[in-house]
Amino acid sequence: MKTDEHKMTQLGYALREYRVRHNMTQQELAEKLGVSTNTIHLWETKVCKPSMGSLLLLSDLLEISLLDIISKAKKDY
């Protein structure tokens, strides 16, 4: 399956990287966050950005600090 890496933002790339490090599929992460798999895909590409509430949940689930996420996202937001 071809990835959308060329379309990814720094935030999207980081989210995917952290998700993969935790051996989670987009579907597994989506279920833990209560969102659709498509939403995770959209976050990992530059189509849309997670809300601050979602970033907090991602920080907890992926065991990364919110500051690390925000530093990756500062050019994207």
Protein backbone atom coordinates (compact mmCIF):
# COMPACT_ATOMS: atom_id res chain seq x y z
CA MET A 1 0.00 0.00 0.00
CA LYS A 2 1.40 3.37 -0.99
CA THR A 3 1.79 5.88 1.84
CA ASP A 4 0.98 9.56 1.73
CA GLU A 5 4.39 10.50 3.16
CA HIS A 6 4.88 13.23 0.59
CA LYS A 7 1.71 14.89 1.87
CA MET A 8 2.52 14.57 5.57
CA THR A 9 3.16 17.47 7.87
CA GLN A 10 5.72 17.31 10.66
CA LEU A 11 2.90 16.59 13.10
CA GLY A 12 1.37 13.89 10.92
CA TYR A 13 4.71 12.21 10.40
CA ALA A 14 5.43 12.29 14.15
CA LEU A 15 2.01 10.86 15.04
CA ARG A 16 2.48 8.01 12.60
CA GLU A 17 6.01 7.37 13.87
CA TYR A 18 4.87 7.20 17.51
CA ARG A 19 1.88 5.02 16.59
CA VAL A 20 4.11 2.57 14.72
CA ARG A 21 6.61 2.49 17.62
CA HIS A 22 3.75 1.31 19.82
CA ASN A 23 2.85 -1.39 17.27
CA MET A 24 -0.60 0.10 16.76
CA THR A 25 -2.56 0.18 13.57
CA GLN A 26 -4.61 3.22 12.67
CA GLN A 27 -7.70 1.18 13.55
CA GLU A 28 -6.39 0.28 17.02
CA LEU A 29 -5.49 3.89 17.80
CA ALA A 30 -8.84 5.08 16.47
CA GLU A 31 -10.70 2.65 18.74
CA LYS A 32 -8.72 3.81 21.79
CA LEU A 33 -9.48 7.45 20.98
CA GLY A 34 -13.11 6.88 20.01
CA VAL A 35 -12.64 8.25 16.49
CA SER A 36 -12.79 6.69 13.04
CA THR A 37 -9.83 5.11 11.29
CA ASN A 38 -10.31 7.73 8.60
CA THR A 39 -9.77 10.46 11.22
CA ILE A 40 -6.38 8.98 12.14
CA HIS A 41 -5.48 8.83 8.46
CA LEU A 42 -6.48 12.47 8.02
CA TRP A 43 -4.37 13.51 11.02
CA GLU A 44 -1.37 11.67 9.65
CA THR A 45 -1.74 13.47 6.35
CA LYS A 46 -2.13 17.19 6.06
CA VAL A 47 -5.87 17.02 5.49
CA CYS A 48 -6.89 17.95 9.05
CA LYS A 49 -5.40 18.43 12.51
CA PRO A 50 -6.37 16.91 15.85
CA SER A 51 -8.04 19.12 18.43
CA MET A 52 -6.18 20.03 21.61
CA GLY A 53 -8.27 17.44 23.48
CA SER A 54 -7.25 14.77 20.99
CA LEU A 55 -3.60 15.84 21.27
CA LEU A 56 -3.82 15.35 25.04
CA LEU A 57 -5.25 11.85 24.57
CA LEU A 58 -2.60 11.04 21.96
CA SER A 59 0.09 12.24 24.32
CA ASP A 60 -1.14 9.83 26.98
CA LEU A 61 -1.74 6.84 24.69
CA LEU A 62 1.53 7.18 22.79
CA GLU A 63 3.55 8.04 25.90
CA ILE A 64 4.94 11.30 24.54
CA SER A 65 4.84 14.68 26.15
CA LEU A 66 2.39 17.24 24.87
CA LEU A 67 5.35 19.60 24.52
CA ASP A 68 7.01 17.16 22.11
CA ILE A 69 3.84 16.96 20.03
CA ILE A 70 3.44 20.73 20.00
CA SER A 71 7.07 21.28 19.02
CA LYS A 72 6.55 18.96 16.03
CA ALA A 73 3.31 20.75 15.18
CA LYS A 74 4.38 24.37 15.62
CA LYS A 75 4.85 24.87 11.90
CA ASP A 76 1.59 23.09 11.14
CA TYR A 77 -0.74 25.09 13.39
